[in-house]
C-alpha atoms as a PDB file:
ATOM      1  CA  MET A   1      10.021 -12.834  21.324  1.00  0.00           C
ATOM      2  CA  LYS A   2      11.278 -16.258  20.314  1.00  0.00           C
ATOM      3  CA  ASP A   3       8.574 -16.607  17.670  1.00  0.00           C
ATOM      4  CA  GLU A   4       9.496 -13.224  16.176  1.00  0.00           C
ATOM      5  CA  GLN A   5      13.179 -14.105  16.089  1.00  0.00           C
ATOM      6  CA  ARG A   6      12.511 -17.541  14.584  1.00  0.00           C
ATOM      7  CA  ARG A   7      10.289 -15.985  11.893  1.00  0.00           C
ATOM      8  CA  ALA A   8      12.924 -13.334  11.150  1.00  0.00           C
ATOM      9  CA  GLU A   9      15.580 -16.033  10.771  1.00  0.00           C
ATOM     10  CA  ASP A  10      13.280 -17.965   8.446  1.00  0.00           C
ATOM     11  CA  LEU A  11      12.741 -14.832   6.343  1.00  0.00           C
ATOM     12  CA  LEU A  12      16.506 -14.366   6.042  1.00  0.00           C
ATOM     13  CA  ARG A  13      16.775 -17.998   4.917  1.00  0.00           C
ATOM     14  CA  LEU A  14      14.064 -17.361   2.286  1.00  0.00           C
ATOM     15  CA  THR A  15      16.031 -14.416   0.878  1.00  0.00           C
ATOM     16  CA  LYS A  16      18.865 -16.846   0.150  1.00  0.00           C
ATOM     17  CA  GLY A  17      16.546 -19.415  -1.422  1.00  0.00           C
ATOM     18  CA  ARG A  18      17.068 -21.889   1.420  1.00  0.00           C
ATOM     19  CA  PRO A  19      14.292 -23.909   3.081  1.00  0.00           C
ATOM     20  CA  THR A  20      12.843 -22.575   6.301  1.00  0.00           C
ATOM     21  CA  LYS A  21      12.480 -24.361   9.591  1.00  0.00           C
ATOM     22  CA  GLY A  22       8.974 -23.076  10.197  1.00  0.00           C
ATOM     23  CA  ARG A  23       7.761 -23.966   6.719  1.00  0.00           C
ATOM     24  CA  ILE A  24       6.840 -20.382   5.900  1.00  0.00           C
ATOM     25  CA  GLY A  25       6.909 -18.923   2.425  1.00  0.00           C
ATOM     26  CA  SER A  26       5.185 -19.700  -0.811  1.00  0.00           C
ATOM     27  CA  ARG A  27       6.436 -20.274  -4.311  1.00  0.00           C
ATOM     28  CA  ALA A  28       3.784 -17.810  -5.454  1.00  0.00           C
ATOM     29  CA  VAL A  29       5.407 -14.965  -3.441  1.00  0.00           C
ATOM     30  CA  ALA A  30       8.916 -13.951  -4.402  1.00  0.00           C
ATOM     31  CA  HIS A  31      11.447 -13.659  -1.551  1.00  0.00           C
ATOM     32  CA  ARG A  32      14.741 -14.869  -3.007  1.00  0.00           C
ATOM     33  CA  LEU A  33      17.128 -11.958  -3.474  1.00  0.00           C
ATOM     34  CA  ARG A  34      19.835 -11.576  -6.072  1.00  0.00           C
ATOM     35  CA  THR A  35      23.405 -11.422  -4.836  1.00  0.00           C
ATOM     36  CA  HIS A  36      23.699  -7.640  -5.210  1.00  0.00           C
ATOM     37  CA  GLU A  37      20.381  -7.105  -3.379  1.00  0.00           C
ATOM     38  CA  HIS A  38      21.611  -8.811  -0.194  1.00  0.00           C
ATOM     39  CA  ALA A  39      23.971  -5.943   0.651  1.00  0.00           C
ATOM     40  CA  GLY A  40      21.155  -3.414   0.255  1.00  0.00           C
ATOM     41  CA  PHE A  41      18.843  -5.584   2.325  1.00  0.00           C
ATOM     42  CA  ARG A  42      21.357  -5.864   5.179  1.00  0.00           C
ATOM     43  CA  LEU A  43      21.982  -2.101   5.076  1.00  0.00           C
ATOM     44  CA  ALA A  44      18.224  -1.494   5.152  1.00  0.00           C
ATOM     45  CA  LEU A  45      17.886  -3.628   8.273  1.00  0.00           C
ATOM     46  CA  GLU A  46      20.522  -1.473   9.984  1.00  0.00           C
ATOM     47  CA  ARG A  47      19.063   1.849   8.786  1.00  0.00           C
ATOM     48  CA  GLY A  48      15.429   0.960   9.322  1.00  0.00           C
ATOM     49  CA  PHE A  49      14.387   1.765   5.744  1.00  0.00           C
ATOM     50  CA  LEU A  50      15.101   0.384   2.284  1.00  0.00           C
ATOM     51  CA  GLU A  51      16.522   2.551  -0.493  1.00  0.00           C
ATOM     52  CA  VAL A  52      16.692   0.994  -3.983  1.00  0.00           C
ATOM     53  CA  ARG A  53      16.781   1.714  -7.684  1.00  0.00           C
ATOM     54  CA  GLY A  54      14.480  -0.521  -9.670  1.00  0.00           C
ATOM     55  CA  LEU A  55      12.329  -2.161  -7.023  1.00  0.00           C
ATOM     56  CA  ARG A  56      11.699  -5.878  -7.458  1.00  0.00           C
ATOM     57  CA  LYS A  57       8.867  -7.679  -5.697  1.00  0.00           C
ATOM     58  CA  ALA A  58      11.301 -10.042  -3.970  1.00  0.00           C
ATOM     59  CA  ILE A  59      13.099  -7.309  -2.033  1.00  0.00           C
ATOM     60  CA  LEU A  60       9.846  -5.422  -1.382  1.00  0.00           C
ATOM     61  CA  ASN A  61       8.187  -8.567   0.015  1.00  0.00           C
ATOM     62  CA  SER A  62      11.209  -9.638   2.041  1.00  0.00           C
ATOM     63  CA  PHE A  63      11.817  -6.263   3.668  1.00  0.00           C
ATOM     64  CA  THR A  64       8.132  -5.664   4.375  1.00  0.00           C
ATOM     65  CA  GLU A  65       7.652  -9.113   5.907  1.00  0.00           C
ATOM     66  CA  TYR A  66      10.774  -8.710   8.032  1.00  0.00           C
ATOM     67  CA  LYS A  67       9.606  -5.348   9.433  1.00  0.00           C
ATOM     68  CA  HIS A  68       6.077  -6.666  10.010  1.00  0.00           C
ATOM     69  CA  THR A  69       7.527  -9.580  11.993  1.00  0.00           C
ATOM     70  CA  TYR A  70       8.522  -7.039  14.637  1.00  0.00           C
ATOM     71  CA  GLY A  71       5.318  -4.993  14.296  1.00  0.00           C
ATOM     72  CA  GLN A  72       7.091  -2.149  12.485  1.00  0.00           C
ATOM     73  CA  THR A  73       6.178  -0.197   9.368  1.00  0.00           C
ATOM     74  CA  ALA A  74       8.244  -0.885   6.262  1.00  0.00           C
ATOM     75  CA  ILE A  75       9.454   2.353   4.666  1.00  0.00           C
ATOM     76  CA  ILE A  76      10.907   2.026   1.178  1.00  0.00           C
ATOM     77  CA  HIS A  77      12.475   4.762  -0.964  1.00  0.00           C
ATOM     78  CA  GLU A  78      12.223   3.705  -4.613  1.00  0.00           C
ATOM     79  CA  LYS A  79      14.460   5.740  -6.937  1.00  0.00           C
ATOM     80  CA  THR A  80      13.409   5.964 -10.588  1.00  0.00           C
ATOM     81  CA  SER A  81      14.355   8.129 -13.537  1.00  0.00           C
ATOM     82  CA  THR A  82      10.882   9.715 -13.553  1.00  0.00           C
ATOM     83  CA  GLY A  83      10.872  10.652  -9.861  1.00  0.00           C
ATOM     84  CA  ASP A  84      11.188   9.011  -6.488  1.00  0.00           C
ATOM     85  CA  TRP A  85       8.465   7.078  -4.700  1.00  0.00           C
ATOM     86  CA  ILE A  86       7.975   6.368  -1.007  1.00  0.00           C
ATOM     87  CA  HIS A  87       6.303   3.101  -0.021  1.00  0.00           C
ATOM     88  CA  TRP A  88       4.571   3.161   3.370  1.00  0.00           C
ATOM     89  CA  ASN A  89       3.669  -0.407   4.353  1.00  0.00           C
ATOM     90  CA  PRO A  90       2.384  -0.529   7.948  1.00  0.00           C
ATOM     91  CA  PRO A  91       1.484  -3.774   9.690  1.00  0.00           C
ATOM     92  CA  ILE A  92      -2.252  -4.252   9.515  1.00  0.00           C
ATOM     93  CA  ASP A  93      -4.059  -4.436  12.857  1.00  0.00           C
ATOM     94  CA  ASP A  94      -6.978  -6.712  13.745  1.00  0.00           C
ATOM     95  CA  ASN A  95      -9.436  -4.236  12.204  1.00  0.00           C
ATOM     96  CA  HIS A  96      -7.482  -4.306   8.916  1.00  0.00           C
ATOM     97  CA  THR A  97      -7.149  -0.537   8.952  1.00  0.00           C
ATOM     98  CA  PHE A  98      -4.204   1.769   8.546  1.00  0.00           C
ATOM     99  CA  SER A  99      -3.769   5.376   7.542  1.00  0.00           C
ATOM    100  CA  LEU A 100      -1.269   7.479   5.687  1.00  0.00           C
ATOM    101  CA  PRO A 101       0.913   9.756   7.857  1.00  0.00           C
ATOM    102  CA  GLY A 102       0.779  13.541   7.440  1.00  0.00           C
ATOM    103  CA  PRO A 103       4.044  14.002   5.472  1.00  0.00           C
ATOM    104  CA  LEU A 104       2.671  11.810   2.668  1.00  0.00           C
ATOM    105  CA  GLN A 105      -0.838  13.302   2.523  1.00  0.00           C
ATOM    106  CA  GLY A 106      -0.014  15.879  -0.176  1.00  0.00           C
ATOM    107  CA  PHE A 107       1.348  13.423  -2.743  1.00  0.00           C
ATOM    108  CA  PRO A 108      -0.534  11.320  -5.277  1.00  0.00           C
ATOM    109  CA  LYS A 109      -0.818   7.796  -3.975  1.00  0.00           C
ATOM    110  CA  GLU A 110      -1.595   4.288  -5.064  1.00  0.00           C
ATOM    111  CA  VAL A 111      -2.983   1.680  -2.733  1.00  0.00           C
ATOM    112  CA  THR A 112      -0.953  -1.523  -3.017  1.00  0.00           C
ATOM    113  CA  PRO A 113      -1.537  -4.940  -1.430  1.00  0.00           C
ATOM    114  CA  LEU A 114       1.102  -4.036   1.187  1.00  0.00           C
ATOM    115  CA  GLY A 115       0.221  -0.392   1.869  1.00  0.00           C
ATOM    116  CA  PHE A 116       0.702   2.861  -0.050  1.00  0.00           C
ATOM    117  CA  ARG A 117       3.022   4.025  -2.837  1.00  0.00           C
ATOM    118  CA  CYS A 118       3.337   7.826  -2.881  1.00  0.00           C
ATOM    119  CA  GLY A 119       4.931   9.988  -5.544  1.00  0.00           C
ATOM    120  CA  PRO A 120       6.481  10.823  -7.861  1.00  0.00           C
ATOM    121  CA  MET A 121       8.558  13.425  -6.051  1.00  0.00           C
ATOM    122  CA  SER A 122      11.997  14.958  -6.462  1.00  0.00           C
ATOM    123  CA  ARG A 123      14.931  13.283  -4.736  1.00  0.00           C
ATOM    124  CA  PRO A 124      15.485  16.101  -2.172  1.00  0.00           C
ATOM    125  CA  VAL A 125      11.787  16.066  -1.258  1.00  0.00           C
ATOM    126  CA  ALA A 126      11.836  12.269  -0.987  1.00  0.00           C
ATOM    127  CA  ARG A 127      14.806  12.401   1.392  1.00  0.00           C
ATOM    128  CA  GLU A 128      13.093  15.039   3.521  1.00  0.00           C
ATOM    129  CA  VAL A 129       9.893  12.985   3.684  1.00  0.00           C
ATOM    130  CA  LEU A 130      11.927   9.887   4.489  1.00  0.00           C
ATOM    131  CA  GLU A 131      13.622  11.569   7.443  1.00  0.00           C
ATOM    132  CA  THR A 132      10.245  12.765   8.749  1.00  0.00           C
ATOM    133  CA  LEU A 133       8.712   9.285   8.408  1.00  0.00           C
ATOM    134  CA  ARG A 134      11.558   7.623  10.271  1.00  0.00           C
ATOM    135  CA  ALA A 135      10.515   9.612  13.355  1.00  0.00           C
ATOM    136  CA  PHE A 136       7.015   7.994  13.324  1.00  0.00           C
END
């Protein structure tokens, strides 16, 4: 538990561009958030999922790493003008396998380095899928 909490604290320090105590992070992987993204990040930690317009790699990486620290799946609702996308980024087990849950099976998907990106879908459908996924 202490290791998880220490890593989570280090990830929060990375989002502010500050050095970490555990020497985690890499300059090649973006984690530093812009000022306006911090409020959304904090809200996402309370809600259990991230909801953003215009997804940047920094907030995607930070939120996903934070959720994976506790062994949880990162669920991200990306809002765009061409349709909404749901990112399903589960922690990878020792076998390096993971699957897509039922509610996302019917949508086109892209495999990303962190998991799956499903969509595009309408906003009401995305919200319905999001609520279903939160129960997993």
